[in-house]
Protein backbone atom coordinates (compact mmCIF):
# COMPACT_ATOMS: atom_id res chain seq x y z
CA MET A 1 -15.41 -98.77 -181.32
CA ASP A 2 -12.03 -100.31 -181.94
CA ALA A 3 -8.63 -99.61 -180.37
CA GLN A 4 -6.83 -100.39 -183.62
CA GLU A 5 -8.79 -97.67 -185.39
CA VAL A 6 -7.36 -95.14 -182.92
CA LEU A 7 -3.80 -96.36 -183.47
CA ASP A 8 -4.20 -96.33 -187.27
CA LEU A 9 -5.35 -92.72 -187.03
CA TRP A 10 -2.87 -91.41 -184.46
CA ILE A 11 0.21 -93.51 -185.23
CA PRO A 12 -0.10 -94.56 -188.88
CA GLN A 13 2.28 -97.19 -190.22
CA ASN A 14 3.50 -94.87 -192.95
CA GLY A 15 7.21 -94.70 -192.20
CA LEU A 16 6.99 -91.72 -189.87
CA TRP A 17 10.08 -93.06 -188.08
CA GLU A 18 12.21 -93.18 -191.26
CA SER A 19 13.20 -89.52 -191.37
CA ALA A 20 13.37 -86.52 -189.09
CA GLU A 21 11.14 -84.57 -191.47
CA ALA A 22 8.38 -87.18 -191.43
CA PHE A 23 8.55 -87.52 -187.67
CA GLU A 24 8.44 -83.78 -187.10
CA ALA A 25 5.42 -83.38 -189.41
CA TRP A 26 3.61 -86.25 -187.67
CA ILE A 27 4.20 -85.05 -184.11
CA GLY A 28 3.49 -81.43 -185.02
CA GLU A 29 0.12 -82.23 -186.55
CA ARG A 30 -0.95 -84.06 -183.42
CA MET A 31 0.43 -81.64 -180.88
CA TYR A 32 -0.73 -78.35 -182.41
CA GLY A 33 -4.37 -78.86 -183.35
CA GLY A 34 -3.97 -80.46 -186.74
CA MET A 35 -6.28 -83.33 -185.79
CA ASP A 36 -9.08 -81.21 -184.31
CA ALA A 37 -11.44 -81.44 -187.27
CA VAL A 38 -11.26 -85.22 -187.64
CA ILE A 39 -11.61 -85.81 -183.90
CA CYS A 40 -14.66 -83.58 -183.67
CA ALA A 41 -16.28 -85.05 -186.79
CA GLN A 42 -15.56 -88.75 -186.30
CA TYR A 43 -14.47 -89.45 -182.73
CA ALA A 44 -16.68 -87.38 -180.44
CA ASP A 45 -18.80 -90.38 -179.35
CA MET A 46 -15.67 -92.47 -178.73
CA THR A 47 -14.15 -89.70 -176.62
CA ARG A 48 -17.25 -89.47 -174.49
CA ALA A 49 -17.45 -93.25 -174.15
CA ALA A 50 -13.84 -93.40 -172.93
CA ALA A 51 -14.51 -90.66 -170.40
CA ARG A 52 -17.45 -92.67 -169.08
CA GLY A 53 -15.22 -95.70 -168.58
CA GLU A 54 -16.86 -97.74 -171.35
CA LEU A 55 -13.55 -98.47 -173.10
CA ASP A 56 -11.52 -99.43 -170.02
CA HIS A 57 -11.24 -103.02 -171.25
CA TRP A 58 -8.85 -101.79 -173.92
CA ALA A 59 -6.19 -101.50 -171.22
CA GLN A 60 -5.80 -105.27 -171.03
CA THR A 61 -3.15 -105.18 -173.77
CA ALA A 62 -0.23 -102.83 -174.36
CA ARG A 63 -1.53 -101.44 -177.62
CA GLY A 64 -5.08 -101.22 -176.35
CA ARG A 65 -3.81 -99.28 -173.34
CA LEU A 66 -2.00 -96.90 -175.67
CA ALA A 67 -5.17 -96.39 -177.72
CA LEU A 68 -7.18 -95.68 -174.58
CA LEU A 69 -4.54 -93.25 -173.39
CA ILE A 70 -4.72 -91.33 -176.65
CA VAL A 71 -8.51 -91.11 -176.49
CA LEU A 72 -8.38 -89.93 -172.85
CA ASP A 73 -5.42 -87.57 -173.05
CA GLN A 74 -5.34 -86.26 -176.61
CA PHE A 75 -8.86 -86.43 -178.04
CA PRO A 76 -10.48 -84.27 -175.33
CA ARG A 77 -8.00 -81.50 -176.12
CA SER A 78 -9.53 -81.35 -179.59
CA LEU A 79 -13.17 -82.05 -178.75
CA TRP A 80 -13.34 -79.69 -175.77
CA ARG A 81 -10.57 -77.27 -176.71
CA ASP A 82 -10.36 -74.06 -174.64
CA THR A 83 -12.54 -75.39 -171.83
CA LEU A 84 -11.73 -77.17 -168.58
CA ALA A 85 -13.40 -80.27 -169.99
CA ALA A 86 -10.33 -80.73 -172.19
CA PHE A 87 -8.35 -81.68 -169.08
CA ALA A 88 -10.97 -83.63 -167.13
CA GLN A 89 -9.46 -87.03 -167.98
CA ASP A 90 -5.86 -86.14 -167.12
CA ILE A 91 -5.89 -87.98 -163.79
CA LYS A 92 -7.22 -91.16 -165.37
CA ALA A 93 -4.66 -90.87 -168.20
CA ASN A 94 -1.85 -90.45 -165.65
CA LEU A 95 -2.92 -93.61 -163.81
CA LEU A 96 -3.13 -95.48 -167.09
CA VAL A 97 0.51 -94.68 -167.81
CA LEU A 98 1.75 -95.36 -164.28
CA LYS A 99 0.06 -98.74 -164.16
CA GLY A 100 1.42 -99.52 -167.62
CA ILE A 101 4.94 -98.84 -166.40
CA GLU A 102 4.30 -100.99 -163.33
CA ASN A 103 2.83 -103.98 -165.19
CA GLY A 104 5.29 -103.93 -168.10
CA ARG A 105 2.86 -102.84 -170.83
CA PHE A 106 4.77 -99.58 -171.37
CA ALA A 107 7.95 -101.44 -172.32
CA GLU A 108 6.12 -103.27 -175.14
CA LEU A 109 5.62 -100.07 -177.13
CA GLN A 110 7.75 -98.46 -179.81
CA PRO A 111 9.77 -95.49 -178.56
CA TRP A 112 7.80 -92.95 -180.64
CA GLU A 113 4.63 -94.39 -179.08
CA GLU A 114 6.08 -94.05 -175.60
CA VAL A 115 6.45 -90.32 -176.23
CA PHE A 116 2.69 -89.91 -175.85
CA CYS A 117 2.82 -91.73 -172.54
CA MET A 118 5.35 -89.16 -171.31
CA ILE A 119 3.22 -86.30 -172.65
CA ALA A 120 0.30 -87.61 -170.59
CA LEU A 121 2.46 -87.83 -167.46
CA GLY A 122 3.44 -84.20 -167.86
CA HIS A 123 -0.07 -82.90 -168.32
CA CYS A 124 -1.70 -83.25 -164.92
CA GLU A 125 -0.94 -80.71 -162.20
CA GLY A 126 -0.65 -81.74 -158.57
CA PRO A 127 1.75 -82.01 -155.63
CA ASP A 128 3.37 -85.07 -157.20
CA HIS A 129 4.23 -83.24 -160.44
CA LEU A 130 7.96 -83.01 -159.75
CA ALA A 131 8.10 -86.73 -159.05
CA ARG A 132 6.46 -87.41 -162.41
CA VAL A 133 8.88 -85.03 -164.11
CA ALA A 134 11.75 -87.05 -162.62
CA LEU A 135 10.14 -90.25 -163.91
CA ILE A 136 9.81 -88.73 -167.38
CA GLU A 137 13.47 -87.83 -167.32
CA GLU A 138 14.53 -91.24 -166.17
CA LEU A 139 12.50 -93.15 -168.73
CA SER A 140 13.45 -90.85 -171.58
CA GLU A 141 17.18 -91.06 -170.85
CA GLU A 142 17.32 -94.77 -170.06
CA GLN A 143 14.68 -96.28 -172.33
CA ILE A 144 12.95 -94.06 -174.91
CA ILE A 145 15.78 -92.02 -176.46
CA PRO A 146 18.28 -94.90 -176.68
CA ALA A 147 15.68 -96.99 -178.54
CA MET A 148 14.93 -94.27 -181.09
CA PRO A 149 16.40 -94.60 -184.60
CA PRO A 150 19.48 -92.34 -184.80
CA GLN A 151 17.77 -89.86 -187.11
CA LEU A 152 14.94 -89.36 -184.60
CA ALA A 153 16.85 -89.22 -181.34
CA PRO A 154 17.29 -85.42 -181.26
CA LEU A 155 13.63 -84.80 -182.08
CA GLY A 156 12.45 -87.46 -179.70
CA LYS A 157 14.51 -85.95 -176.92
CA SER A 158 13.02 -82.53 -177.60
CA CYS A 159 9.47 -83.91 -177.58
CA VAL A 160 9.87 -85.80 -174.35
CA ARG A 161 11.55 -82.91 -172.55
CA ARG A 162 8.66 -80.59 -173.41
CA THR A 163 6.61 -82.68 -171.03
CA ARG A 164 8.60 -81.45 -168.00
CA GLY A 165 6.24 -78.50 -167.58
CA ALA A 166 2.62 -78.77 -166.55
CA ASP A 167 -0.10 -78.08 -169.10
CA GLN A 168 -0.20 -74.32 -168.63
CA SER A 169 -3.27 -73.78 -170.75
CA SER A 170 -5.37 -74.97 -167.84
CA ASN A 171 -4.29 -71.97 -165.79
CA ALA A 172 -5.74 -69.58 -168.34
CA LEU A 173 -9.06 -71.37 -168.07
CA GLY A 174 -9.48 -71.30 -164.34
CA GLY A 175 -6.34 -72.06 -162.40
CA THR A 176 -4.96 -75.34 -161.08
CA ARG A 177 -7.35 -78.11 -162.00
CA THR A 178 -6.72 -80.66 -159.27
CA ALA A 179 -4.68 -81.54 -156.28
CA MET A 180 -3.91 -85.21 -156.26
CA SER A 181 -1.69 -87.79 -154.65
CA ALA A 182 -0.20 -90.42 -156.89
CA THR A 183 1.83 -93.59 -156.79
CA ALA A 184 2.38 -96.22 -159.43
CA GLY A 185 -0.58 -98.07 -158.00
CA SER A 186 -3.14 -95.37 -157.21
CA LEU A 187 -4.34 -91.83 -157.88
CA ARG A 188 -6.82 -90.06 -155.63
CA LEU A 189 -8.75 -86.98 -156.70
CA ARG A 190 -9.01 -84.35 -153.95
CA ARG A 191 -10.69 -81.51 -155.80
CA ARG A 192 -12.22 -81.03 -159.23
CA PRO A 193 -13.59 -77.97 -160.96
CA THR A 194 -17.20 -77.36 -161.88
CA LEU A 195 -17.27 -77.48 -165.63
CA PRO A 196 -19.63 -75.09 -167.37
CA ARG A 197 -21.51 -75.84 -170.52
CA ALA A 198 -19.54 -74.48 -173.44
CA THR A 199 -19.63 -74.25 -177.19
CA SER A 200 -16.62 -75.67 -178.97
CA PRO A 201 -14.97 -73.21 -181.39
CA MET A 202 -13.99 -76.22 -183.49
CA CYS A 203 -16.96 -78.53 -183.21
CA GLY A 204 -19.64 -75.86 -183.11
CA ALA A 205 -21.84 -77.84 -180.71
CA THR A 206 -22.95 -77.20 -177.16
CA ARG A 207 -21.16 -79.53 -174.74
CA SER A 208 -22.33 -80.72 -171.38
CA ARG A 209 -20.05 -81.17 -168.42
CA ALA A 210 -17.26 -83.65 -168.91
CA PRO A 211 -17.74 -86.99 -167.14
CA ASP A 212 -16.21 -87.38 -163.71
CA PRO A 213 -12.72 -88.89 -164.08
CA GLY A 214 -13.21 -90.64 -160.77
CA ALA A 215 -10.83 -93.32 -159.55
CA CYS A 216 -9.70 -95.73 -162.21
CA PRO A 217 -8.62 -99.32 -161.41
CA LEU A 218 -6.88 -99.85 -164.78
């Protein structure tokens, strides 16, 4: 399992930043289920391994941390779509971003890569959500959007600002997922749901409970 393989899949070096049309097609495919089939067919084992903490060493570099974030935050939404398991790694993904901001790894990324960090920050519900929304706003206005190529700035701004709201699809599946306290240095899980076994409408396989996100020292 290789972090670069994830980046080549999710953020291909194909000039996606060269035009608004290419950028919009790229982000749309990843945000609206266009990658479900390939994730289920080729990356199910990797997604489970990341959830078990077996890929945590990727976080030692900026780009490895980004790859791990994608596997924790985005891949489960394809592999376990329409179940609570899709959101079980959100706390760990949040901590991964917050620690990346704290240790400077976040600033090493391209602005269109940073968008997925902001998406992850906006996903996880909890009493600190408004604080994370404020952080998203600050980083987008001061760092991400100004670094975007001019042709992408309006689209980038729209993408980042969509992260202001919590991931509402969780509510349809069973209400608020967790209550958590968060700082740039720590996240603590107070409550987690019991995840039932479910059959994926995309993958067509019975899934066991998602691994416990636990506390992550990344």
